[in-house]
Amino acid sequence: MSSGTNSAPLVSIEAIDLYERDVRLRMPFRFGVVTLTEAPQAFARVRLRLPDGRSATGGSAELLAPKWFDKNPALSNEANFDQLRRSLGIARELYLAGGPAR
């Protein structure tokens, strides 16, 4: 490879599984204009394959916090949770539709 090019290996994403669990916070947490006492936690498990045939699985989790994307005070927490779920679904579809990625 010439200098200045990305030498990261190409990976193929084989699967992305999304899960949720309900979380009740120990103490209320002020997050912008909302006070959270409970919220869903989203989990992503990703399986990928390297060009040499090796595969790996990894995971990540994050609390779905209302008003994270859309700060509109007229939206309910549940409407915000649904927006965040949709964004995860869209990201999943795009990653799975793409070819090898660096």
PDB file of N, CA and C in Angstrom:
ATOM      1  N   MET A   1       0.836  -1.180   0.000  1.00  0.00           N
ATOM      2  CA  MET A   1       0.000   0.000   0.000  1.00  0.00           C
ATOM      3  C   MET A   1       0.877   1.238   0.000  1.00  0.00           C
ATOM      4  N   SER A   2       0.407   2.254  -0.634  1.00  0.00           N
ATOM      5  CA  SER A   2       1.168   3.496  -0.639  1.00  0.00           C
ATOM      6  C   SER A   2       0.994   4.213   0.681  1.00  0.00           C
ATOM      7  N   SER A   3       1.944   5.080   1.002  1.00  0.00           N
ATOM      8  CA  SER A   3       1.828   5.804   2.270  1.00  0.00           C
ATOM      9  C   SER A   3       0.609   6.709   2.237  1.00  0.00           C
ATOM     10  N   GLY A   4       0.006   6.865   3.384  1.00  0.00           N
ATOM     11  CA  GLY A   4      -1.174   7.719   3.483  1.00  0.00           C
ATOM     12  C   GLY A   4      -2.482   6.990   3.270  1.00  0.00           C
ATOM     13  N   THR A   5      -2.425   5.721   2.846  1.00  0.00           N
ATOM     14  CA  THR A   5      -3.673   4.979   2.694  1.00  0.00           C
ATOM     15  C   THR A   5      -3.986   4.256   3.983  1.00  0.00           C
ATOM     16  N   ASN A   6      -5.234   3.975   4.168  1.00  0.00           N
ATOM     17  CA  ASN A   6      -5.674   3.289   5.380  1.00  0.00           C
ATOM     18  C   ASN A   6      -5.299   1.821   5.276  1.00  0.00           C
ATOM     19  N   SER A   7      -4.567   1.318   6.248  1.00  0.00           N
ATOM     20  CA  SER A   7      -4.154  -0.075   6.220  1.00  0.00           C
ATOM     21  C   SER A   7      -5.011  -0.947   7.126  1.00  0.00           C
ATOM     22  N   ALA A   8      -6.124  -0.439   7.578  1.00  0.00           N
ATOM     23  CA  ALA A   8      -7.020  -1.235   8.408  1.00  0.00           C
ATOM     24  C   ALA A   8      -7.582  -2.386   7.582  1.00  0.00           C
ATOM     25  N   PRO A   9      -7.723  -3.559   8.182  1.00  0.00           N
ATOM     26  CA  PRO A   9      -8.249  -4.690   7.416  1.00  0.00           C
ATOM     27  C   PRO A   9      -9.719  -4.486   7.071  1.00  0.00           C
ATOM     28  N   LEU A  10     -10.114  -5.054   5.929  1.00  0.00           N
ATOM     29  CA  LEU A  10     -11.519  -5.031   5.553  1.00  0.00           C
ATOM     30  C   LEU A  10     -12.266  -6.044   6.403  1.00  0.00           C
ATOM     31  N   VAL A  11     -13.435  -5.682   6.864  1.00  0.00           N
ATOM     32  CA  VAL A  11     -14.259  -6.603   7.632  1.00  0.00           C
ATOM     33  C   VAL A  11     -15.629  -6.680   6.979  1.00  0.00           C
ATOM     34  N   SER A  12     -16.245  -7.829   7.072  1.00  0.00           N
ATOM     35  CA  SER A  12     -17.617  -8.008   6.617  1.00  0.00           C
ATOM     36  C   SER A  12     -18.480  -8.215   7.849  1.00  0.00           C
ATOM     37  N   ILE A  13     -19.512  -7.428   7.963  1.00  0.00           N
ATOM     38  CA  ILE A  13     -20.435  -7.571   9.090  1.00  0.00           C
ATOM     39  C   ILE A  13     -21.446  -8.635   8.727  1.00  0.00           C
ATOM     40  N   GLU A  14     -21.481  -9.701   9.501  1.00  0.00           N
ATOM     41  CA  GLU A  14     -22.357 -10.831   9.218  1.00  0.00           C
ATOM     42  C   GLU A  14     -23.697 -10.742   9.925  1.00  0.00           C
ATOM     43  N   ALA A  15     -23.715 -10.172  11.118  1.00  0.00           N
ATOM     44  CA  ALA A  15     -24.971 -10.105  11.877  1.00  0.00           C
ATOM     45  C   ALA A  15     -24.897  -8.978  12.900  1.00  0.00           C
ATOM     46  N   ILE A  16     -26.031  -8.373  13.110  1.00  0.00           N
ATOM     47  CA  ILE A  16     -26.182  -7.393  14.183  1.00  0.00           C
ATOM     48  C   ILE A  16     -27.500  -7.718  14.876  1.00  0.00           C
ATOM     49  N   ASP A  17     -27.405  -8.112  16.129  1.00  0.00           N
ATOM     50  CA  ASP A  17     -28.600  -8.413  16.923  1.00  0.00           C
ATOM     51  C   ASP A  17     -28.810  -7.288  17.919  1.00  0.00           C
ATOM     52  N   LEU A  18     -30.044  -6.811  18.005  1.00  0.00           N
ATOM     53  CA  LEU A  18     -30.394  -5.738  18.933  1.00  0.00           C
ATOM     54  C   LEU A  18     -31.312  -6.292  20.017  1.00  0.00           C
ATOM     55  N   TYR A  19     -31.032  -5.905  21.247  1.00  0.00           N
ATOM     56  CA  TYR A  19     -31.819  -6.340  22.400  1.00  0.00           C
ATOM     57  C   TYR A  19     -32.086  -5.134  23.295  1.00  0.00           C
ATOM     58  N   GLU A  20     -33.027  -5.303  24.194  1.00  0.00           N
ATOM     59  CA  GLU A  20     -33.326  -4.263  25.193  1.00  0.00           C
ATOM     60  C   GLU A  20     -33.647  -4.903  26.528  1.00  0.00           C
ATOM     61  N   ARG A  21     -33.445  -4.121  27.555  1.00  0.00           N
ATOM     62  CA  ARG A  21     -33.944  -4.487  28.883  1.00  0.00           C
ATOM     63  C   ARG A  21     -34.351  -3.189  29.563  1.00  0.00           C
ATOM     64  N   ASP A  22     -35.330  -3.289  30.435  1.00  0.00           N
ATOM     65  CA  ASP A  22     -35.777  -2.126  31.195  1.00  0.00           C
ATOM     66  C   ASP A  22     -34.849  -1.919  32.387  1.00  0.00           C
ATOM     67  N   VAL A  23     -34.492  -0.670  32.621  1.00  0.00           N
ATOM     68  CA  VAL A  23     -33.600  -0.316  33.721  1.00  0.00           C
ATOM     69  C   VAL A  23     -34.306   0.695  34.615  1.00  0.00           C
ATOM     70  N   ARG A  24     -34.323   0.421  35.913  1.00  0.00           N
ATOM     71  CA  ARG A  24     -34.820   1.374  36.898  1.00  0.00           C
ATOM     72  C   ARG A  24     -33.604   1.959  37.590  1.00  0.00           C
ATOM     73  N   LEU A  25     -33.486   3.274  37.542  1.00  0.00           N
ATOM     74  CA  LEU A  25     -32.332   3.943  38.144  1.00  0.00           C
ATOM     75  C   LEU A  25     -32.462   3.987  39.659  1.00  0.00           C
ATOM     76  N   ARG A  26     -31.344   3.886  40.340  1.00  0.00           N
ATOM     77  CA  ARG A  26     -31.330   3.907  41.806  1.00  0.00           C
ATOM     78  C   ARG A  26     -31.792   5.270  42.324  1.00  0.00           C
ATOM     79  N   MET A  27     -31.381   6.326  41.636  1.00  0.00           N
ATOM     80  CA  MET A  27     -31.774   7.689  42.017  1.00  0.00           C
ATOM     81  C   MET A  27     -32.212   8.422  40.754  1.00  0.00           C
ATOM     82  N   PRO A  28     -33.150   9.360  40.870  1.00  0.00           N
ATOM     83  CA  PRO A  28     -33.524  10.152  39.687  1.00  0.00           C
ATOM     84  C   PRO A  28     -32.297  10.868  39.113  1.00  0.00           C
ATOM     85  N   PHE A  29     -32.254  10.932  37.796  1.00  0.00           N
ATOM     86  CA  PHE A  29     -31.136  11.554  37.099  1.00  0.00           C
ATOM     87  C   PHE A  29     -31.673  12.621  36.164  1.00  0.00           C
ATOM     88  N   ARG A  30     -31.228  13.829  36.349  1.00  0.00           N
ATOM     89  CA  ARG A  30     -31.665  14.944  35.502  1.00  0.00           C
ATOM     90  C   ARG A  30     -30.857  14.898  34.207  1.00  0.00           C
ATOM     91  N   PHE A  31     -31.569  14.768  33.082  1.00  0.00           N
ATOM     92  CA  PHE A  31     -30.947  14.721  31.768  1.00  0.00           C
ATOM     93  C   PHE A  31     -31.617  15.771  30.903  1.00  0.00           C
ATOM     94  N   GLY A  32     -31.014  16.954  30.834  1.00  0.00           N
ATOM     95  CA  GLY A  32     -31.628  18.047  30.071  1.00  0.00           C
ATOM     96  C   GLY A  32     -32.952  18.454  30.690  1.00  0.00           C
ATOM     97  N   VAL A  33     -34.021  18.383  29.890  1.00  0.00           N
ATOM     98  CA  VAL A  33     -35.336  18.824  30.359  1.00  0.00           C
ATOM     99  C   VAL A  33     -36.143  17.707  31.014  1.00  0.00           C
ATOM    100  N   VAL A  34     -35.580  16.503  31.094  1.00  0.00           N
ATOM    101  CA  VAL A  34     -36.305  15.386  31.714  1.00  0.00           C
ATOM    102  C   VAL A  34     -35.552  14.873  32.932  1.00  0.00           C
ATOM    103  N   THR A  35     -36.306  14.292  33.842  1.00  0.00           N
ATOM    104  CA  THR A  35     -35.719  13.591  34.979  1.00  0.00           C
ATOM    105  C   THR A  35     -36.014  12.117  34.787  1.00  0.00           C
ATOM    106  N   LEU A  36     -34.969  11.326  34.646  1.00  0.00           N
ATOM    107  CA  LEU A  36     -35.122   9.891  34.413  1.00  0.00           C
ATOM    108  C   LEU A  36     -35.174   9.131  35.722  1.00  0.00           C
ATOM    109  N   THR A  37     -36.126   8.230  35.805  1.00  0.00           N
ATOM    110  CA  THR A  37     -36.161   7.263  36.895  1.00  0.00           C
ATOM    111  C   THR A  37     -36.072   5.848  36.338  1.00  0.00           C
ATOM    112  N   GLU A  38     -36.390   5.708  35.038  1.00  0.00           N
ATOM    113  CA  GLU A  38     -36.289   4.427  34.352  1.00  0.00           C
ATOM    114  C   GLU A  38     -36.175   4.687  32.857  1.00  0.00           C
ATOM    115  N   ALA A  39     -35.569   3.752  32.160  1.00  0.00           N
ATOM    116  CA  ALA A  39     -35.406   3.865  30.713  1.00  0.00           C
ATOM    117  C   ALA A  39     -34.957   2.518  30.172  1.00  0.00           C
ATOM    118  N   PRO A  40     -35.194   2.266  28.890  1.00  0.00           N
ATOM    119  CA  PRO A  40     -34.668   1.036  28.295  1.00  0.00           C
ATOM    120  C   PRO A  40     -33.169   1.151  28.077  1.00  0.00           C
ATOM    121  N   GLN A  41     -32.501   0.008  28.150  1.00  0.00           N
ATOM    122  CA  GLN A  41     -31.098  -0.059  27.803  1.00  0.00           C
ATOM    123  C   GLN A  41     -31.002  -0.921  26.547  1.00  0.00           C
ATOM    124  N   ALA A  42     -30.357  -0.388  25.515  1.00  0.00           N
ATOM    125  CA  ALA A  42     -30.216  -1.102  24.245  1.00  0.00           C
ATOM    126  C   ALA A  42     -28.868  -1.812  24.202  1.00  0.00           C
ATOM    127  N   PHE A  43     -28.882  -3.019  23.659  1.00  0.00           N
ATOM    128  CA  PHE A  43     -27.677  -3.825  23.486  1.00  0.00           C
ATOM    129  C   PHE A  43     -27.530  -4.151  22.005  1.00  0.00           C
ATOM    130  N   ALA A  44     -26.314  -4.115  21.517  1.00  0.00           N
ATOM    131  CA  ALA A  44     -26.010  -4.547  20.155  1.00  0.00           C
ATOM    132  C   ALA A  44     -24.921  -5.616  20.227  1.00  0.00           C
ATOM    133  N   ARG A  45     -25.172  -6.718  19.546  1.00  0.00           N
ATOM    134  CA  ARG A  45     -24.160  -7.770  19.417  1.00  0.00           C
ATOM    135  C   ARG A  45     -23.844  -7.880  17.925  1.00  0.00           C
ATOM    136  N   VAL A  46     -22.562  -7.746  17.578  1.00  0.00           N
ATOM    137  CA  VAL A  46     -22.134  -7.724  16.180  1.00  0.00           C
ATOM    138  C   VAL A  46     -21.171  -8.876  15.922  1.00  0.00           C
ATOM    139  N   ARG A  47     -21.421  -9.592  14.826  1.00  0.00           N
ATOM    140  CA  ARG A  47     -20.509 -10.648  14.384  1.00  0.00           C
ATOM    141  C   ARG A  47     -19.899 -10.209  13.063  1.00  0.00           C
ATOM    142  N   LEU A  48     -18.578 -10.243  12.984  1.00  0.00           N
ATOM    143  CA  LEU A  48     -17.902  -9.831  11.752  1.00  0.00           C
ATOM    144  C   LEU A  48     -16.883 -10.867  11.331  1.00  0.00           C
ATOM    145  N   ARG A  49     -16.466 -10.754  10.065  1.00  0.00           N
ATOM    146  CA  ARG A  49     -15.492 -11.695   9.513  1.00  0.00           C
ATOM    147  C   ARG A  49     -14.391 -10.898   8.818  1.00  0.00           C
ATOM    148  N   LEU A  50     -13.149 -11.345   9.060  1.00  0.00           N
ATOM    149  CA  LEU A  50     -11.977 -10.758   8.404  1.00  0.00           C
ATOM    150  C   LEU A  50     -11.699 -11.498   7.102  1.00  0.00           C
ATOM    151  N   PRO A  51     -10.937 -10.889   6.192  1.00  0.00           N
ATOM    152  CA  PRO A  51     -10.655 -11.540   4.907  1.00  0.00           C
ATOM    153  C   PRO A  51      -9.976 -12.908   5.052  1.00  0.00           C
ATOM    154  N   ASP A  52      -9.240 -13.138   6.130  1.00  0.00           N
ATOM    155  CA  ASP A  52      -8.566 -14.429   6.308  1.00  0.00           C
ATOM    156  C   ASP A  52      -9.486 -15.502   6.883  1.00  0.00           C
ATOM    157  N   GLY A  53     -10.772 -15.159   7.061  1.00  0.00           N
ATOM    158  CA  GLY A  53     -11.744 -16.139   7.539  1.00  0.00           C
ATOM    159  C   GLY A  53     -12.004 -16.112   9.029  1.00  0.00           C
ATOM    160  N   ARG A  54     -11.142 -15.435   9.777  1.00  0.00           N
ATOM    161  CA  ARG A  54     -11.391 -15.339  11.216  1.00  0.00           C
ATOM    162  C   ARG A  54     -12.644 -14.515  11.452  1.00  0.00           C
ATOM    163  N   SER A  55     -13.354 -14.846  12.536  1.00  0.00           N
ATOM    164  CA  SER A  55     -14.542 -14.069  12.890  1.00  0.00           C
ATOM    165  C   SER A  55     -14.452 -13.643  14.347  1.00  0.00           C
ATOM    166  N   ALA A  56     -15.226 -12.658  14.665  1.00  0.00           N
ATOM    167  CA  ALA A  56     -15.255 -12.150  16.032  1.00  0.00           C
ATOM    168  C   ALA A  56     -16.663 -11.652  16.324  1.00  0.00           C
ATOM    169  N   THR A  57     -17.004 -11.690  17.599  1.00  0.00           N
ATOM    170  CA  THR A  57     -18.290 -11.166  18.061  1.00  0.00           C
ATOM    171  C   THR A  57     -17.998 -10.184  19.187  1.00  0.00           C
ATOM    172  N   GLY A  58     -18.688  -9.056  19.139  1.00  0.00           N
ATOM    173  CA  GLY A  58     -18.523  -8.054  20.180  1.00  0.00           C
ATOM    174  C   GLY A  58     -19.861  -7.434  20.519  1.00  0.00           C
ATOM    175  N   GLY A  59     -19.891  -6.714  21.607  1.00  0.00           N
ATOM    176  CA  GLY A  59     -21.146  -6.120  22.036  1.00  0.00           C
ATOM    177  C   GLY A  59     -20.945  -4.762  22.664  1.00  0.00           C
ATOM    178  N   SER A  60     -22.053  -4.059  22.748  1.00  0.00           N
ATOM    179  CA  SER A  60     -22.066  -2.741  23.364  1.00  0.00           C
ATOM    180  C   SER A  60     -23.470  -2.484  23.889  1.00  0.00           C
ATOM    181  N   ALA A  61     -23.571  -1.581  24.853  1.00  0.00           N
ATOM    182  CA  ALA A  61     -24.876  -1.237  25.418  1.00  0.00           C
ATOM    183  C   ALA A  61     -24.900   0.248  25.743  1.00  0.00           C
ATOM    184  N   GLU A  62     -26.092   0.804  25.697  1.00  0.00           N
ATOM    185  CA  GLU A  62     -26.269   2.218  26.024  1.00  0.00           C
ATOM    186  C   GLU A  62     -27.705   2.437  26.479  1.00  0.00           C
ATOM    187  N   LEU A  63     -27.870   3.330  27.435  1.00  0.00           N
ATOM    188  CA  LEU A  63     -29.205   3.705  27.894  1.00  0.00           C
ATOM    189  C   LEU A  63     -29.887   4.540  26.821  1.00  0.00           C
ATOM    190  N   LEU A  64     -31.147   4.266  26.543  1.00  0.00           N
ATOM    191  CA  LEU A  64     -31.916   5.097  25.615  1.00  0.00           C
ATOM    192  C   LEU A  64     -32.443   6.295  26.393  1.00  0.00           C
ATOM    193  N   ALA A  65     -31.764   7.400  26.271  1.00  0.00           N
ATOM    194  CA  ALA A  65     -32.106   8.599  27.037  1.00  0.00           C
ATOM    195  C   ALA A  65     -33.011   9.504  26.210  1.00  0.00           C
ATOM    196  N   PRO A  66     -34.203   9.830  26.737  1.00  0.00           N
ATOM    197  CA  PRO A  66     -35.087  10.724  25.997  1.00  0.00           C
ATOM    198  C   PRO A  66     -34.435  12.094  25.828  1.00  0.00           C
ATOM    199  N   LYS A  67     -34.791  12.738  24.730  1.00  0.00           N
ATOM    200  CA  LYS A  67     -34.265  14.063  24.351  1.00  0.00           C
ATOM    201  C   LYS A  67     -32.812  13.996  23.906  1.00  0.00           C
ATOM    202  N   TRP A  68     -32.320  12.788  23.602  1.00  0.00           N
ATOM    203  CA  TRP A  68     -30.947  12.645  23.128  1.00  0.00           C
ATOM    204  C   TRP A  68     -30.811  13.243  21.739  1.00  0.00           C
ATOM    205  N   PHE A  69     -31.712  12.870  20.821  1.00  0.00           N
ATOM    206  CA  PHE A  69     -31.682  13.409  19.462  1.00  0.00           C
ATOM    207  C   PHE A  69     -32.626  14.597  19.327  1.00  0.00           C
ATOM    208  N   ASP A  70     -33.862  14.358  19.674  1.00  0.00           N
ATOM    209  CA  ASP A  70     -34.925  15.352  19.454  1.00  0.00           C
ATOM    210  C   ASP A  70     -35.281  15.988  20.786  1.00  0.00           C
ATOM    211  N   LYS A  71     -34.967  17.241  20.906  1.00  0.00           N
ATOM    212  CA  LYS A  71     -35.150  17.949  22.180  1.00  0.00           C
ATOM    213  C   LYS A  71     -36.553  18.544  22.330  1.00  0.00           C
ATOM    214  N   ASN A  72     -37.459  18.227  21.423  1.00  0.00           N
ATOM    215  CA  ASN A  72     -38.815  18.767  21.438  1.00  0.00           C
ATOM    216  C   ASN A  72     -39.516  18.387  22.742  1.00  0.00           C
ATOM    217  N   PRO A  73     -39.853  19.375  23.590  1.00  0.00           N
ATOM    218  CA  PRO A  73     -40.500  19.057  24.871  1.00  0.00           C
ATOM    219  C   PRO A  73     -41.913  18.482  24.720  1.00  0.00           C
ATOM    220  N   ALA A  74     -42.508  18.627  23.544  1.00  0.00           N
ATOM    221  CA  ALA A  74     -43.854  18.096  23.331  1.00  0.00           C
ATOM    222  C   ALA A  74     -43.853  16.578  23.156  1.00  0.00           C
ATOM    223  N   LEU A  75     -42.697  15.997  22.854  1.00  0.00           N
ATOM    224  CA  LEU A  75     -42.618  14.543  22.673  1.00  0.00           C
ATOM    225  C   LEU A  75     -42.513  13.845  24.017  1.00  0.00           C
ATOM    226  N   SER A  76     -43.236  12.761  24.150  1.00  0.00           N
ATOM    227  CA  SER A  76     -43.168  11.962  25.382  1.00  0.00           C
ATOM    228  C   SER A  76     -41.851  11.179  25.407  1.00  0.00           C
ATOM    229  N   ASN A  77     -41.512  10.688  26.579  1.00  0.00           N
ATOM    230  CA  ASN A  77     -40.333   9.826  26.681  1.00  0.00           C
ATOM    231  C   ASN A  77     -40.471   8.618  25.767  1.00  0.00           C
ATOM    232  N   GLU A  78     -41.667   8.025  25.731  1.00  0.00           N
ATOM    233  CA  GLU A  78     -41.873   6.843  24.895  1.00  0.00           C
ATOM    234  C   GLU A  78     -41.677   7.165  23.414  1.00  0.00           C
ATOM    235  N   ALA A  79     -42.119   8.348  22.976  1.00  0.00           N
ATOM    236  CA  ALA A  79     -41.889   8.761  21.588  1.00  0.00           C
ATOM    237  C   ALA A  79     -40.393   8.906  21.319  1.00  0.00           C
ATOM    238  N   ASN A  80     -39.666   9.469  22.265  1.00  0.00           N
ATOM    239  CA  ASN A  80     -38.212   9.576  22.110  1.00  0.00           C
ATOM    240  C   ASN A  80     -37.549   8.203  22.090  1.00  0.00           C
ATOM    241  N   PHE A  81     -37.997   7.281  22.949  1.00  0.00           N
ATOM    242  CA  PHE A  81     -37.445   5.928  22.939  1.00  0.00           C
ATOM    243  C   PHE A  81     -37.658   5.287  21.563  1.00  0.00           C
ATOM    244  N   ASP A  82     -38.857   5.483  20.999  1.00  0.00           N
ATOM    245  CA  ASP A  82     -39.152   4.922  19.680  1.00  0.00           C
ATOM    246  C   ASP A  82     -38.239   5.515  18.607  1.00  0.00           C
ATOM    247  N   GLN A  83     -37.943   6.823  18.698  1.00  0.00           N
ATOM    248  CA  GLN A  83     -37.009   7.434  17.747  1.00  0.00           C
ATOM    249  C   GLN A  83     -35.634   6.782  17.847  1.00  0.00           C
ATOM    250  N   LEU A  84     -35.174   6.572  19.067  1.00  0.00           N
ATOM    251  CA  LEU A  84     -33.858   5.960  19.260  1.00  0.00           C
ATOM    252  C   LEU A  84     -33.844   4.516  18.763  1.00  0.00           C
ATOM    253  N   ARG A  85     -34.931   3.784  18.991  1.00  0.00           N
ATOM    254  CA  ARG A  85     -35.025   2.415  18.473  1.00  0.00           C
ATOM    255  C   ARG A  85     -34.968   2.414  16.948  1.00  0.00           C
ATOM    256  N   ARG A  86     -35.689   3.358  16.327  1.00  0.00           N
ATOM    257  CA  ARG A  86     -35.671   3.451  14.862  1.00  0.00           C
ATOM    258  C   ARG A  86     -34.259   3.760  14.359  1.00  0.00           C
ATOM    259  N   SER A  87     -33.545   4.655  15.045  1.00  0.00           N
ATOM    260  CA  SER A  87     -32.191   4.994  14.603  1.00  0.00           C
ATOM    261  C   SER A  87     -31.273   3.773  14.691  1.00  0.00           C
ATOM    262  N   LEU A  88     -31.437   2.963  15.728  1.00  0.00           N
ATOM    263  CA  LEU A  88     -30.655   1.730  15.829  1.00  0.00           C
ATOM    264  C   LEU A  88     -30.999   0.773  14.686  1.00  0.00           C
ATOM    265  N   GLY A  89     -32.281   0.659  14.379  1.00  0.00           N
ATOM    266  CA  GLY A  89     -32.707  -0.216  13.283  1.00  0.00           C
ATOM    267  C   GLY A  89     -32.183   0.255  11.936  1.00  0.00           C
ATOM    268  N   ILE A  90     -32.201   1.558  11.706  1.00  0.00           N
ATOM    269  CA  ILE A  90     -31.678   2.118  10.451  1.00  0.00           C
ATOM    270  C   ILE A  90     -30.179   1.861  10.347  1.00  0.00           C
ATOM    271  N   ALA A  91     -29.449   2.107  11.431  1.00  0.00           N
ATOM    272  CA  ALA A  91     -28.002   1.863  11.426  1.00  0.00           C
ATOM    273  C   ALA A  91     -27.721   0.386  11.151  1.00  0.00           C
ATOM    274  N   ARG A  92     -28.484  -0.496  11.772  1.00  0.00           N
ATOM    275  CA  ARG A  92     -28.311  -1.936  11.555  1.00  0.00           C
ATOM    276  C   ARG A  92     -28.501  -2.275  10.079  1.00  0.00           C
ATOM    277  N   GLU A  93     -29.586  -1.780   9.476  1.00  0.00           N
ATOM    278  CA  GLU A  93     -29.856  -2.054   8.061  1.00  0.00           C
ATOM    279  C   GLU A  93     -28.733  -1.551   7.166  1.00  0.00           C
ATOM    280  N   LEU A  94     -28.240  -0.347   7.426  1.00  0.00           N
ATOM    281  CA  LEU A  94     -27.180   0.222   6.600  1.00  0.00           C
ATOM    282  C   LEU A  94     -25.883  -0.570   6.726  1.00  0.00           C
ATOM    283  N   TYR A  95     -25.526  -0.952   7.943  1.00  0.00           N
ATOM    284  CA  TYR A  95     -24.307  -1.747   8.127  1.00  0.00           C
ATOM    285  C   TYR A  95     -24.416  -3.089   7.423  1.00  0.00           C
ATOM    286  N   LEU A  96     -25.583  -3.740   7.512  1.00  0.00           N
ATOM    287  CA  LEU A  96     -25.746  -5.050   6.911  1.00  0.00           C
ATOM    288  C   LEU A  96     -25.846  -4.971   5.389  1.00  0.00           C
ATOM    289  N   ALA A  97     -26.323  -3.860   4.856  1.00  0.00           N
ATOM    290  CA  ALA A  97     -26.470  -3.700   3.405  1.00  0.00           C
ATOM    291  C   ALA A  97     -25.150  -3.380   2.730  1.00  0.00           C
ATOM    292  N   GLY A  98     -24.220  -2.801   3.468  1.00  0.00           N
ATOM    293  CA  GLY A  98     -22.949  -2.396   2.880  1.00  0.00           C
ATOM    294  C   GLY A  98     -22.040  -3.578   2.632  1.00  0.00           C
ATOM    295  N   GLY A  99     -21.047  -3.364   1.794  1.00  0.00           N
ATOM    296  CA  GLY A  99     -20.036  -4.378   1.551  1.00  0.00           C
ATOM    297  C   GLY A  99     -18.989  -4.328   2.630  1.00  0.00           C
ATOM    298  N   PRO A 100     -17.816  -4.864   2.344  1.00  0.00           N
ATOM    299  CA  PRO A 100     -16.733  -4.815   3.330  1.00  0.00           C
ATOM    300  C   PRO A 100     -16.443  -3.378   3.744  1.00  0.00           C
ATOM    301  N   ALA A 101     -16.156  -3.197   5.005  1.00  0.00           N
ATOM    302  CA  ALA A 101     -15.891  -1.862   5.534  1.00  0.00           C
ATOM    303  C   ALA A 101     -14.548  -1.872   6.238  1.00  0.00           C
ATOM    304  N   ARG A 102     -13.940  -0.717   6.319  1.00  0.00           N
ATOM    305  CA  ARG A 102     -12.667  -0.588   7.047  1.00  0.00           C
ATOM    306  C   ARG A 102     -12.980  -0.260   8.482  1.00  0.00           C
TER     307      ARG A 102
END
